[in-house]
PDB file of N, CA and C in Angstrom:
ATOM      1  N   MET A   1       2.807  -4.227  -2.135  1.00  0.00           N
ATOM      2  CA  MET A   1       2.028  -3.151  -3.102  1.00  0.00           C
ATOM      3  C   MET A   1       1.110  -2.900  -1.589  1.00  0.00           C
ATOM      4  N   SER A   2       1.499  -1.178  -1.080  1.00  0.00           N
ATOM      5  CA  SER A   2       0.796  -1.149  -0.174  1.00  0.00           C
ATOM      6  C   SER A   2      -0.844  -0.707  -0.342  1.00  0.00           C
ATOM      7  N   GLN A   3      -1.781  -0.316   0.593  1.00  0.00           N
ATOM      8  CA  GLN A   3      -3.170  -0.386   0.691  1.00  0.00           C
ATOM      9  C   GLN A   3      -3.408   0.917  -0.271  1.00  0.00           C
ATOM     10  N   ALA A   4      -2.990   2.127  -0.530  1.00  0.00           N
ATOM     11  CA  ALA A   4      -3.650   3.159  -1.276  1.00  0.00           C
ATOM     12  C   ALA A   4      -3.360   2.725  -3.039  1.00  0.00           C
ATOM     13  N   SER A   5      -2.001   1.825  -2.840  1.00  0.00           N
ATOM     14  CA  SER A   5      -1.494   1.906  -3.916  1.00  0.00           C
ATOM     15  C   SER A   5      -2.382   0.761  -5.182  1.00  0.00           C
ATOM     16  N   VAL A   6      -2.836  -0.081  -4.662  1.00  0.00           N
ATOM     17  CA  VAL A   6      -4.028  -1.277  -4.357  1.00  0.00           C
ATOM     18  C   VAL A   6      -4.854  -0.472  -4.593  1.00  0.00           C
ATOM     19  N   GLU A   7      -6.014   0.569  -4.203  1.00  0.00           N
ATOM     20  CA  GLU A   7      -6.970   1.145  -3.973  1.00  0.00           C
ATOM     21  C   GLU A   7      -6.368   2.402  -5.394  1.00  0.00           C
ATOM     22  N   ARG A   8      -5.527   3.150  -5.587  1.00  0.00           N
ATOM     23  CA  ARG A   8      -5.789   3.322  -6.704  1.00  0.00           C
ATOM     24  C   ARG A   8      -5.701   2.359  -7.836  1.00  0.00           C
ATOM     25  N   ARG A   9      -4.820   1.499  -8.047  1.00  0.00           N
ATOM     26  CA  ARG A   9      -4.833   0.905  -9.338  1.00  0.00           C
ATOM     27  C   ARG A   9      -6.429   0.102  -9.610  1.00  0.00           C
ATOM     28  N   LEU A  10      -7.022  -0.282  -8.452  1.00  0.00           N
ATOM     29  CA  LEU A  10      -8.448  -0.674  -8.493  1.00  0.00           C
ATOM     30  C   LEU A  10      -9.434   0.294  -9.163  1.00  0.00           C
ATOM     31  N   ARG A  11      -9.460   1.608  -8.560  1.00  0.00           N
ATOM     32  CA  ARG A  11     -10.021   2.341  -9.379  1.00  0.00           C
ATOM     33  C   ARG A  11      -9.636   2.515 -11.001  1.00  0.00           C
ATOM     34  N   GLN A  12      -8.632   2.950 -10.846  1.00  0.00           N
ATOM     35  CA  GLN A  12      -8.125   2.920 -12.473  1.00  0.00           C
ATOM     36  C   GLN A  12      -8.551   1.519 -13.432  1.00  0.00           C
ATOM     37  N   THR A  13      -8.584   0.940 -12.802  1.00  0.00           N
ATOM     38  CA  THR A  13      -8.641  -0.411 -13.832  1.00  0.00           C
ATOM     39  C   THR A  13     -10.331  -0.339 -13.699  1.00  0.00           C
ATOM     40  N   THR A  14     -10.957  -0.234 -12.784  1.00  0.00           N
ATOM     41  CA  THR A  14     -12.860  -0.587 -12.739  1.00  0.00           C
ATOM     42  C   THR A  14     -13.445   0.739 -13.917  1.00  0.00           C
ATOM     43  N   THR A  15     -12.391   2.036 -13.859  1.00  0.00           N
ATOM     44  CA  THR A  15     -12.672   2.986 -14.925  1.00  0.00           C
ATOM     45  C   THR A  15     -12.516   2.536 -16.378  1.00  0.00           C
ATOM     46  N   ARG A  16     -11.318   1.834 -16.174  1.00  0.00           N
ATOM     47  CA  ARG A  16     -10.771   1.136 -17.893  1.00  0.00           C
ATOM     48  C   ARG A  16     -12.207   0.208 -17.948  1.00  0.00           C
ATOM     49  N   LEU A  17     -12.346  -0.167 -17.323  1.00  0.00           N
ATOM     50  CA  LEU A  17     -13.004  -1.737 -17.570  1.00  0.00           C
ATOM     51  C   LEU A  17     -14.418  -1.068 -18.053  1.00  0.00           C
ATOM     52  N   ARG A  18     -14.953   0.042 -16.936  1.00  0.00           N
ATOM     53  CA  ARG A  18     -16.346   0.612 -17.431  1.00  0.00           C
ATOM     54  C   ARG A  18     -16.136   0.875 -19.262  1.00  0.00           C
ATOM     55  N   GLU A  19     -14.947   2.071 -19.169  1.00  0.00           N
ATOM     56  CA  GLU A  19     -14.953   2.202 -20.746  1.00  0.00           C
ATOM     57  C   GLU A  19     -15.006   0.978 -21.512  1.00  0.00           C
ATOM     58  N   ALA A  20     -14.438  -0.069 -21.317  1.00  0.00           N
ATOM     59  CA  ALA A  20     -14.204  -0.549 -22.322  1.00  0.00           C
ATOM     60  C   ALA A  20     -15.324  -1.427 -22.418  1.00  0.00           C
ATOM     61  N   ARG A  21     -16.222  -2.067 -21.515  1.00  0.00           N
ATOM     62  CA  ARG A  21     -17.942  -2.551 -21.488  1.00  0.00           C
ATOM     63  C   ARG A  21     -18.985  -1.689 -22.171  1.00  0.00           C
ATOM     64  N   GLU A  22     -18.566  -0.180 -22.062  1.00  0.00           N
ATOM     65  CA  GLU A  22     -19.072   1.020 -22.803  1.00  0.00           C
ATOM     66  C   GLU A  22     -18.903   0.816 -24.769  1.00  0.00           C
ATOM     67  N   ALA A  23     -17.474   0.925 -24.666  1.00  0.00           N
ATOM     68  CA  ALA A  23     -16.982   0.420 -26.374  1.00  0.00           C
ATOM     69  C   ALA A  23     -17.798  -0.710 -26.559  1.00  0.00           C
ATOM     70  N   LEU A  24     -17.601  -1.627 -26.007  1.00  0.00           N
ATOM     71  CA  LEU A  24     -17.900  -3.210 -26.523  1.00  0.00           C
ATOM     72  C   LEU A  24     -19.840  -2.841 -27.043  1.00  0.00           C
ATOM     73  N   VAL A  25     -20.787  -2.207 -26.283  1.00  0.00           N
ATOM     74  CA  VAL A  25     -21.836  -1.855 -26.906  1.00  0.00           C
ATOM     75  C   VAL A  25     -22.126  -1.177 -27.897  1.00  0.00           C
ATOM     76  N   VAL A  26     -20.949  -0.203 -28.364  1.00  0.00           N
ATOM     77  CA  VAL A  26     -20.729   0.690 -29.229  1.00  0.00           C
ATOM     78  C   VAL A  26     -20.337  -0.366 -30.644  1.00  0.00           C
ATOM     79  N   LEU A  27     -19.799  -1.270 -30.461  1.00  0.00           N
ATOM     80  CA  LEU A  27     -19.168  -1.997 -31.201  1.00  0.00           C
ATOM     81  C   LEU A  27     -19.948  -2.945 -31.479  1.00  0.00           C
ATOM     82  N   ASP A  28     -21.091  -3.545 -30.788  1.00  0.00           N
ATOM     83  CA  ASP A  28     -21.856  -4.358 -31.240  1.00  0.00           C
ATOM     84  C   ASP A  28     -23.004  -3.693 -32.243  1.00  0.00           C
ATOM     85  N   GLN A  29     -23.139  -2.539 -31.879  1.00  0.00           N
ATOM     86  CA  GLN A  29     -23.939  -2.057 -32.569  1.00  0.00           C
ATOM     87  C   GLN A  29     -23.852  -1.381 -33.988  1.00  0.00           C
ATOM     88  N   GLN A  30     -22.221  -1.235 -34.272  1.00  0.00           N
ATOM     89  CA  GLN A  30     -21.938  -0.997 -35.262  1.00  0.00           C
ATOM     90  C   GLN A  30     -21.673  -2.267 -36.465  1.00  0.00           C
ATOM     91  N   LEU A  31     -21.374  -3.330 -35.367  1.00  0.00           N
ATOM     92  CA  LEU A  31     -21.093  -4.879 -36.178  1.00  0.00           C
ATOM     93  C   LEU A  31     -22.684  -4.782 -36.553  1.00  0.00           C
ATOM     94  N   VAL A  32     -23.887  -4.781 -36.107  1.00  0.00           N
ATOM     95  CA  VAL A  32     -25.244  -5.084 -36.330  1.00  0.00           C
ATOM     96  C   VAL A  32     -25.430  -4.589 -37.804  1.00  0.00           C
ATOM     97  N   SER A  33     -24.853  -3.255 -37.711  1.00  0.00           N
ATOM     98  CA  SER A  33     -24.990  -1.895 -38.910  1.00  0.00           C
ATOM     99  C   SER A  33     -24.240  -2.913 -40.424  1.00  0.00           C
ATOM    100  N   LEU A  34     -23.364  -2.817 -39.613  1.00  0.00           N
ATOM    101  CA  LEU A  34     -22.296  -3.570 -40.978  1.00  0.00           C
ATOM    102  C   LEU A  34     -22.463  -4.754 -41.445  1.00  0.00           C
ATOM    103  N   ALA A  35     -22.981  -5.443 -40.692  1.00  0.00           N
ATOM    104  CA  ALA A  35     -23.803  -6.897 -41.189  1.00  0.00           C
ATOM    105  C   ALA A  35     -24.549  -6.739 -42.198  1.00  0.00           C
ATOM    106  N   GLU A  36     -25.548  -6.116 -41.838  1.00  0.00           N
ATOM    107  CA  GLU A  36     -26.647  -5.657 -42.487  1.00  0.00           C
ATOM    108  C   GLU A  36     -26.324  -5.231 -44.023  1.00  0.00           C
ATOM    109  N   ASP A  37     -25.658  -4.411 -44.129  1.00  0.00           N
ATOM    110  CA  ASP A  37     -24.695  -3.645 -45.310  1.00  0.00           C
ATOM    111  C   ASP A  37     -24.410  -4.882 -46.371  1.00  0.00           C
ATOM    112  N   ALA A  38     -23.214  -5.759 -45.304  1.00  0.00           N
ATOM    113  CA  ALA A  38     -22.268  -6.726 -46.010  1.00  0.00           C
ATOM    114  C   ALA A  38     -23.168  -7.509 -46.842  1.00  0.00           C
ATOM    115  N   ASP A  39     -24.550  -8.096 -46.128  1.00  0.00           N
ATOM    116  CA  ASP A  39     -25.494  -8.933 -46.624  1.00  0.00           C
ATOM    117  C   ASP A  39     -26.135  -8.238 -47.852  1.00  0.00           C
ATOM    118  N   ASP A  40     -26.408  -7.190 -47.673  1.00  0.00           N
ATOM    119  CA  ASP A  40     -27.439  -6.505 -48.673  1.00  0.00           C
ATOM    120  C   ASP A  40     -26.339  -6.059 -50.127  1.00  0.00           C
ATOM    121  N   LEU A  41     -25.485  -5.957 -49.791  1.00  0.00           N
ATOM    122  CA  LEU A  41     -24.700  -5.726 -50.933  1.00  0.00           C
ATOM    123  C   LEU A  41     -23.929  -7.419 -51.487  1.00  0.00           C
ATOM    124  N   ARG A  42     -23.885  -8.449 -50.437  1.00  0.00           N
ATOM    125  CA  ARG A  42     -23.378  -9.583 -51.277  1.00  0.00           C
ATOM    126  C   ARG A  42     -24.658 -10.034 -52.044  1.00  0.00           C
ATOM    127  N   VAL A  43     -26.198  -9.882 -51.541  1.00  0.00           N
ATOM    128  CA  VAL A  43     -27.380 -10.052 -52.203  1.00  0.00           C
ATOM    129  C   VAL A  43     -27.433  -9.143 -53.734  1.00  0.00           C
ATOM    130  N   ARG A  44     -26.767  -7.934 -53.425  1.00  0.00           N
ATOM    131  CA  ARG A  44     -27.223  -7.311 -55.029  1.00  0.00           C
ATOM    132  C   ARG A  44     -25.841  -7.296 -55.677  1.00  0.00           C
ATOM    133  N   SER A  45     -24.537  -7.886 -55.197  1.00  0.00           N
ATOM    134  CA  SER A  45     -23.777  -8.753 -56.368  1.00  0.00           C
ATOM    135  C   SER A  45     -23.576 -10.216 -56.825  1.00  0.00           C
ATOM    136  N   LEU A  46     -24.786 -10.459 -56.059  1.00  0.00           N
ATOM    137  CA  LEU A  46     -25.337 -11.855 -57.121  1.00  0.00           C
ATOM    138  C   LEU A  46     -26.307 -11.561 -58.162  1.00  0.00           C
ATOM    139  N   VAL A  47     -27.388 -10.867 -57.503  1.00  0.00           N
ATOM    140  CA  VAL A  47     -28.768 -10.532 -58.694  1.00  0.00           C
ATOM    141  C   VAL A  47     -27.526  -9.363 -59.800  1.00  0.00           C
ATOM    142  N   GLY A  48     -27.335  -8.847 -59.451  1.00  0.00           N
ATOM    143  CA  GLY A  48     -26.412  -7.743 -60.171  1.00  0.00           C
ATOM    144  C   GLY A  48     -25.149  -7.921 -61.104  1.00  0.00           C
ATOM    145  N   GLU A  49     -24.372  -9.078 -60.531  1.00  0.00           N
ATOM    146  CA  GLU A  49     -23.344  -9.132 -61.412  1.00  0.00           C
ATOM    147  C   GLU A  49     -22.398  -8.104 -61.937  1.00  0.00           C
ATOM    148  N   SER A  50     -22.224  -6.977 -61.094  1.00  0.00           N
ATOM    149  CA  SER A  50     -21.460  -6.491 -61.687  1.00  0.00           C
ATOM    150  C   SER A  50     -20.258  -5.740 -60.736  1.00  0.00           C
ATOM    151  N   PRO A  51     -19.263  -5.590 -61.586  1.00  0.00           N
ATOM    152  CA  PRO A  51     -18.001  -5.304 -60.728  1.00  0.00           C
ATOM    153  C   PRO A  51     -17.855  -4.321 -59.790  1.00  0.00           C
ATOM    154  N   MET A  52     -18.568  -3.393 -59.701  1.00  0.00           N
ATOM    155  CA  MET A  52     -18.613  -1.917 -59.382  1.00  0.00           C
ATOM    156  C   MET A  52     -19.470  -2.644 -57.693  1.00  0.00           C
ATOM    157  N   VAL A  53     -20.659  -3.685 -57.486  1.00  0.00           N
ATOM    158  CA  VAL A  53     -21.168  -3.749 -56.328  1.00  0.00           C
ATOM    159  C   VAL A  53     -20.091  -4.760 -56.118  1.00  0.00           C
ATOM    160  N   ASP A  54     -19.442  -5.425 -56.440  1.00  0.00           N
ATOM    161  CA  ASP A  54     -18.743  -6.827 -56.214  1.00  0.00           C
ATOM    162  C   ASP A  54     -17.479  -6.205 -55.312  1.00  0.00           C
ATOM    163  N   LYS A  55     -16.991  -5.086 -55.680  1.00  0.00           N
ATOM    164  CA  LYS A  55     -16.281  -4.102 -54.960  1.00  0.00           C
ATOM    165  C   LYS A  55     -17.033  -3.576 -53.952  1.00  0.00           C
ATOM    166  N   GLU A  56     -18.065  -3.615 -53.704  1.00  0.00           N
ATOM    167  CA  GLU A  56     -18.824  -2.704 -52.516  1.00  0.00           C
ATOM    168  C   GLU A  56     -19.173  -3.698 -51.286  1.00  0.00           C
ATOM    169  N   HIS A  57     -19.347  -5.094 -52.428  1.00  0.00           N
ATOM    170  CA  HIS A  57     -19.665  -5.828 -51.018  1.00  0.00           C
ATOM    171  C   HIS A  57     -17.896  -6.690 -50.498  1.00  0.00           C
ATOM    172  N   ARG A  58     -17.066  -6.646 -51.002  1.00  0.00           N
ATOM    173  CA  ARG A  58     -15.991  -6.957 -50.541  1.00  0.00           C
ATOM    174  C   ARG A  58     -15.095  -5.530 -49.504  1.00  0.00           C
ATOM    175  N   ASP A  59     -15.471  -4.673 -50.242  1.00  0.00           N
ATOM    176  CA  ASP A  59     -15.177  -3.641 -48.962  1.00  0.00           C
ATOM    177  C   ASP A  59     -15.901  -3.476 -47.690  1.00  0.00           C
ATOM    178  N   ALA A  60     -17.289  -3.726 -48.032  1.00  0.00           N
ATOM    179  CA  ALA A  60     -17.907  -3.992 -46.724  1.00  0.00           C
ATOM    180  C   ALA A  60     -17.342  -4.820 -46.126  1.00  0.00           C
ATOM    181  N   GLN A  61     -17.880  -6.090 -46.856  1.00  0.00           N
ATOM    182  CA  GLN A  61     -17.072  -7.458 -45.367  1.00  0.00           C
ATOM    183  C   GLN A  61     -15.628  -7.522 -45.380  1.00  0.00           C
ATOM    184  N   ARG A  62     -14.988  -7.011 -45.641  1.00  0.00           N
ATOM    185  CA  ARG A  62     -13.633  -6.384 -45.256  1.00  0.00           C
ATOM    186  C   ARG A  62     -13.943  -5.252 -43.502  1.00  0.00           C
ATOM    187  N   SER A  63     -14.769  -4.633 -43.879  1.00  0.00           N
ATOM    188  CA  SER A  63     -15.027  -3.624 -42.845  1.00  0.00           C
ATOM    189  C   SER A  63     -15.714  -4.279 -41.758  1.00  0.00           C
ATOM    190  N   PHE A  64     -16.878  -5.296 -42.380  1.00  0.00           N
ATOM    191  CA  PHE A  64     -17.161  -6.019 -41.252  1.00  0.00           C
ATOM    192  C   PHE A  64     -16.178  -7.028 -40.439  1.00  0.00           C
ATOM    193  N   GLU A  65     -15.055  -7.825 -41.124  1.00  0.00           N
ATOM    194  CA  GLU A  65     -14.238  -7.977 -40.624  1.00  0.00           C
ATOM    195  C   GLU A  65     -13.064  -7.568 -39.495  1.00  0.00           C
ATOM    196  N   ALA A  66     -12.657  -6.580 -39.822  1.00  0.00           N
ATOM    197  CA  ALA A  66     -12.355  -5.497 -39.144  1.00  0.00           C
ATOM    198  C   ALA A  66     -12.649  -5.345 -38.110  1.00  0.00           C
ATOM    199  N   MET A  67     -14.001  -4.783 -37.984  1.00  0.00           N
ATOM    200  CA  MET A  67     -15.063  -4.480 -36.849  1.00  0.00           C
ATOM    201  C   MET A  67     -14.882  -5.425 -36.017  1.00  0.00           C
ATOM    202  N   SER A  68     -15.278  -7.057 -36.235  1.00  0.00           N
ATOM    203  CA  SER A  68     -15.363  -8.298 -35.472  1.00  0.00           C
ATOM    204  C   SER A  68     -14.124  -8.395 -34.958  1.00  0.00           C
ATOM    205  N   ARG A  69     -12.709  -8.178 -35.476  1.00  0.00           N
ATOM    206  CA  ARG A  69     -11.556  -7.983 -34.869  1.00  0.00           C
ATOM    207  C   ARG A  69     -11.504  -7.332 -33.616  1.00  0.00           C
ATOM    208  N   SER A  70     -11.775  -6.066 -33.876  1.00  0.00           N
ATOM    209  CA  SER A  70     -11.947  -4.922 -32.861  1.00  0.00           C
ATOM    210  C   SER A  70     -12.405  -5.303 -31.496  1.00  0.00           C
ATOM    211  N   ARG A  71     -13.869  -5.882 -32.004  1.00  0.00           N
ATOM    212  CA  ARG A  71     -14.754  -6.315 -30.911  1.00  0.00           C
ATOM    213  C   ARG A  71     -13.721  -7.796 -30.166  1.00  0.00           C
ATOM    214  N   ALA A  72     -13.269  -8.476 -30.641  1.00  0.00           N
ATOM    215  CA  ALA A  72     -12.893  -9.479 -30.185  1.00  0.00           C
ATOM    216  C   ALA A  72     -11.519  -9.296 -29.357  1.00  0.00           C
ATOM    217  N   ALA A  73     -10.893  -8.150 -29.797  1.00  0.00           N
ATOM    218  CA  ALA A  73      -9.846  -7.620 -28.868  1.00  0.00           C
ATOM    219  C   ALA A  73     -10.590  -6.678 -27.735  1.00  0.00           C
ATOM    220  N   THR A  74     -11.595  -6.066 -27.836  1.00  0.00           N
ATOM    221  CA  THR A  74     -12.496  -5.707 -26.571  1.00  0.00           C
ATOM    222  C   THR A  74     -12.301  -6.468 -26.010  1.00  0.00           C
ATOM    223  N   VAL A  75     -13.381  -7.602 -26.097  1.00  0.00           N
ATOM    224  CA  VAL A  75     -13.537  -8.695 -25.422  1.00  0.00           C
ATOM    225  C   VAL A  75     -12.508  -9.149 -24.805  1.00  0.00           C
ATOM    226  N   ALA A  76     -11.524  -9.610 -25.389  1.00  0.00           N
ATOM    227  CA  ALA A  76     -10.103 -10.011 -24.479  1.00  0.00           C
ATOM    228  C   ALA A  76      -9.835  -8.882 -23.416  1.00  0.00           C
ATOM    229  N   GLU A  77      -9.698  -7.597 -23.631  1.00  0.00           N
ATOM    230  CA  GLU A  77      -9.283  -6.523 -22.820  1.00  0.00           C
ATOM    231  C   GLU A  77     -10.210  -6.597 -21.555  1.00  0.00           C
ATOM    232  N   ILE A  78     -11.763  -6.819 -22.151  1.00  0.00           N
ATOM    233  CA  ILE A  78     -12.246  -6.803 -20.414  1.00  0.00           C
ATOM    234  C   ILE A  78     -12.180  -7.992 -19.793  1.00  0.00           C
ATOM    235  N   ALA A  79     -11.951  -8.923 -20.389  1.00  0.00           N
ATOM    236  CA  ALA A  79     -11.535 -10.166 -19.736  1.00  0.00           C
ATOM    237  C   ALA A  79     -10.396 -10.242 -18.994  1.00  0.00           C
ATOM    238  N   LYS A  80      -9.152  -9.484 -19.287  1.00  0.00           N
ATOM    239  CA  LYS A  80      -8.038  -9.666 -18.779  1.00  0.00           C
ATOM    240  C   LYS A  80      -8.173  -8.197 -17.282  1.00  0.00           C
ATOM    241  N   LEU A  81      -8.960  -7.210 -17.846  1.00  0.00           N
ATOM    242  CA  LEU A  81      -9.556  -5.888 -16.634  1.00  0.00           C
ATOM    243  C   LEU A  81      -9.986  -6.742 -15.704  1.00  0.00           C
ATOM    244  N   GLU A  82     -11.098  -7.941 -16.302  1.00  0.00           N
ATOM    245  CA  GLU A  82     -11.820  -8.425 -15.288  1.00  0.00           C
ATOM    246  C   GLU A  82     -11.034  -9.167 -14.143  1.00  0.00           C
ATOM    247  N   ARG A  83     -10.094  -9.913 -14.736  1.00  0.00           N
ATOM    248  CA  ARG A  83      -8.732 -10.392 -13.937  1.00  0.00           C
ATOM    249  C   ARG A  83      -7.933  -9.675 -12.952  1.00  0.00           C
ATOM    250  N   THR A  84      -7.471  -8.392 -13.340  1.00  0.00           N
ATOM    251  CA  THR A  84      -6.976  -7.855 -13.127  1.00  0.00           C
ATOM    252  C   THR A  84      -7.874  -7.120 -11.379  1.00  0.00           C
ATOM    253  N   VAL A  85      -8.981  -7.003 -11.726  1.00  0.00           N
ATOM    254  CA  VAL A  85      -9.911  -6.273 -10.887  1.00  0.00           C
ATOM    255  C   VAL A  85      -9.951  -7.423  -9.291  1.00  0.00           C
ATOM    256  N   ASP A  86     -10.288  -9.295 -10.129  1.00  0.00           N
ATOM    257  CA  ASP A  86     -10.170  -9.849  -9.143  1.00  0.00           C
ATOM    258  C   ASP A  86      -8.679  -9.735  -8.060  1.00  0.00           C
ATOM    259  N   GLU A  87      -7.995 -10.162  -8.595  1.00  0.00           N
ATOM    260  CA  GLU A  87      -6.399 -10.009  -8.259  1.00  0.00           C
ATOM    261  C   GLU A  87      -6.083  -8.537  -7.246  1.00  0.00           C
ATOM    262  N   LEU A  88      -6.858  -7.571  -7.553  1.00  0.00           N
ATOM    263  CA  LEU A  88      -6.691  -6.358  -6.674  1.00  0.00           C
ATOM    264  C   LEU A  88      -7.338  -6.713  -5.705  1.00  0.00           C
ATOM    265  N   LEU A  89      -8.961  -6.886  -5.718  1.00  0.00           N
ATOM    266  CA  LEU A  89      -9.391  -6.978  -4.598  1.00  0.00           C
ATOM    267  C   LEU A  89      -9.078  -8.168  -3.687  1.00  0.00           C
ATOM    268  N   GLU A  90      -8.329  -9.562  -4.377  1.00  0.00           N
ATOM    269  CA  GLU A  90      -7.839 -10.127  -3.136  1.00  0.00           C
ATOM    270  C   GLU A  90      -6.741  -9.591  -2.580  1.00  0.00           C
ATOM    271  N   ARG A  91      -6.154  -8.383  -2.756  1.00  0.00           N
ATOM    272  CA  ARG A  91      -5.027  -8.012  -2.167  1.00  0.00           C
ATOM    273  C   ARG A  91      -6.039  -6.889  -1.380  1.00  0.00           C
ATOM    274  N   PHE A  92      -6.935  -6.073  -1.479  1.00  0.00           N
ATOM    275  CA  PHE A  92      -7.714  -5.184  -1.199  1.00  0.00           C
ATOM    276  C   PHE A  92      -7.652  -5.883   0.711  1.00  0.00           C
ATOM    277  N   VAL A  93      -7.745  -4.927   1.590  1.00  0.00           N
ATOM    278  CA  VAL A  93      -7.861  -5.149   3.072  1.00  0.00           C
ATOM    279  C   VAL A  93      -8.489  -3.596   3.714  1.00  0.00           C
ATOM    280  N   PRO A  94      -9.730  -3.532   3.505  1.00  0.00           N
ATOM    281  CA  PRO A  94     -10.474  -2.435   3.904  1.00  0.00           C
ATOM    282  C   PRO A  94      -9.991  -1.579   5.184  1.00  0.00           C
ATOM    283  N   SER A  95      -9.456  -1.079   5.186  1.00  0.00           N
ATOM    284  CA  SER A  95      -9.218   0.129   6.615  1.00  0.00           C
ATOM    285  C   SER A  95     -10.407  -0.049   7.772  1.00  0.00           C
ATOM    286  N   GLY A  96     -10.110  -0.259   8.869  1.00  0.00           N
ATOM    287  CA  GLY A  96     -10.731  -0.770   9.800  1.00  0.00           C
ATOM    288  C   GLY A  96     -11.006  -1.849  10.398  1.00  0.00           C
ATOM    289  N   PRO A  97     -12.329  -2.017  11.039  1.00  0.00           N
ATOM    290  CA  PRO A  97     -12.616  -3.619  11.686  1.00  0.00           C
ATOM    291  C   PRO A  97     -13.757  -4.029  10.169  1.00  0.00           C
ATOM    292  N   LEU A  98     -13.822  -5.146   9.789  1.00  0.00           N
ATOM    293  CA  LEU A  98     -14.859  -5.864   9.304  1.00  0.00           C
ATOM    294  C   LEU A  98     -16.035  -5.757   9.895  1.00  0.00           C
ATOM    295  N   PRO A  99     -17.707  -5.359   9.157  1.00  0.00           N
ATOM    296  CA  PRO A  99     -18.515  -5.146   9.906  1.00  0.00           C
ATOM    297  C   PRO A  99     -18.757  -6.823   9.711  1.00  0.00           C
ATOM    298  N   ALA A 100     -19.780  -7.059  10.882  1.00  0.00           N
ATOM    299  CA  ALA A 100     -20.074  -8.608  11.842  1.00  0.00           C
ATOM    300  C   ALA A 100     -21.235  -8.730  10.606  1.00  0.00           C
ATOM    301  N   THR A 101     -21.155 -10.173  10.232  1.00  0.00           N
ATOM    302  CA  THR A 101     -22.208 -10.760   9.017  1.00  0.00           C
ATOM    303  C   THR A 101     -22.972 -11.503  10.383  1.00  0.00           C
ATOM    304  N   PRO A 102     -24.609 -11.019  10.344  1.00  0.00           N
ATOM    305  CA  PRO A 102     -25.877 -11.769  10.946  1.00  0.00           C
ATOM    306  C   PRO A 102     -25.691 -13.081  10.832  1.00  0.00           C
ATOM    307  N   ASP A 103     -25.628 -13.784  12.147  1.00  0.00           N
ATOM    308  CA  ASP A 103     -25.753 -15.323  11.975  1.00  0.00           C
ATOM    309  C   ASP A 103     -27.190 -15.885  11.279  1.00  0.00           C
ATOM    310  N   PRO A 104     -26.937 -16.446   9.779  1.00  0.00           N
ATOM    311  CA  PRO A 104     -28.088 -16.810   8.892  1.00  0.00           C
ATOM    312  C   PRO A 104     -29.317 -17.854  10.102  1.00  0.00           C
ATOM    313  N   CYS A 105     -29.163 -18.438  10.941  1.00  0.00           N
ATOM    314  CA  CYS A 105     -29.650 -18.923  12.045  1.00  0.00           C
ATOM    315  C   CYS A 105     -30.761 -18.332  12.803  1.00  0.00           C
TER     316      CYS A 105
END
């Protein structure tokens, strides 16, 4: 893979990684809200014993579970992108000489 190709893929992958991390923040916020709603409806279904409230609770629980699966998929995608970035960085050789590192002594 050419140096330009590695650099281009690295830019694309880091952009996708940033977007996935931003999506994870949104998913986490939505998940908190859905969890609160599902919990509230669970309590209402226990107290109210109404078929309508039971259905609302089941729907809210399904939404929470779907959002949880989406979050897990996003976390897996982030891990995959991080591995790809690491692999690309190993291939990346900057043009020109490397700067000298100062002697720690």
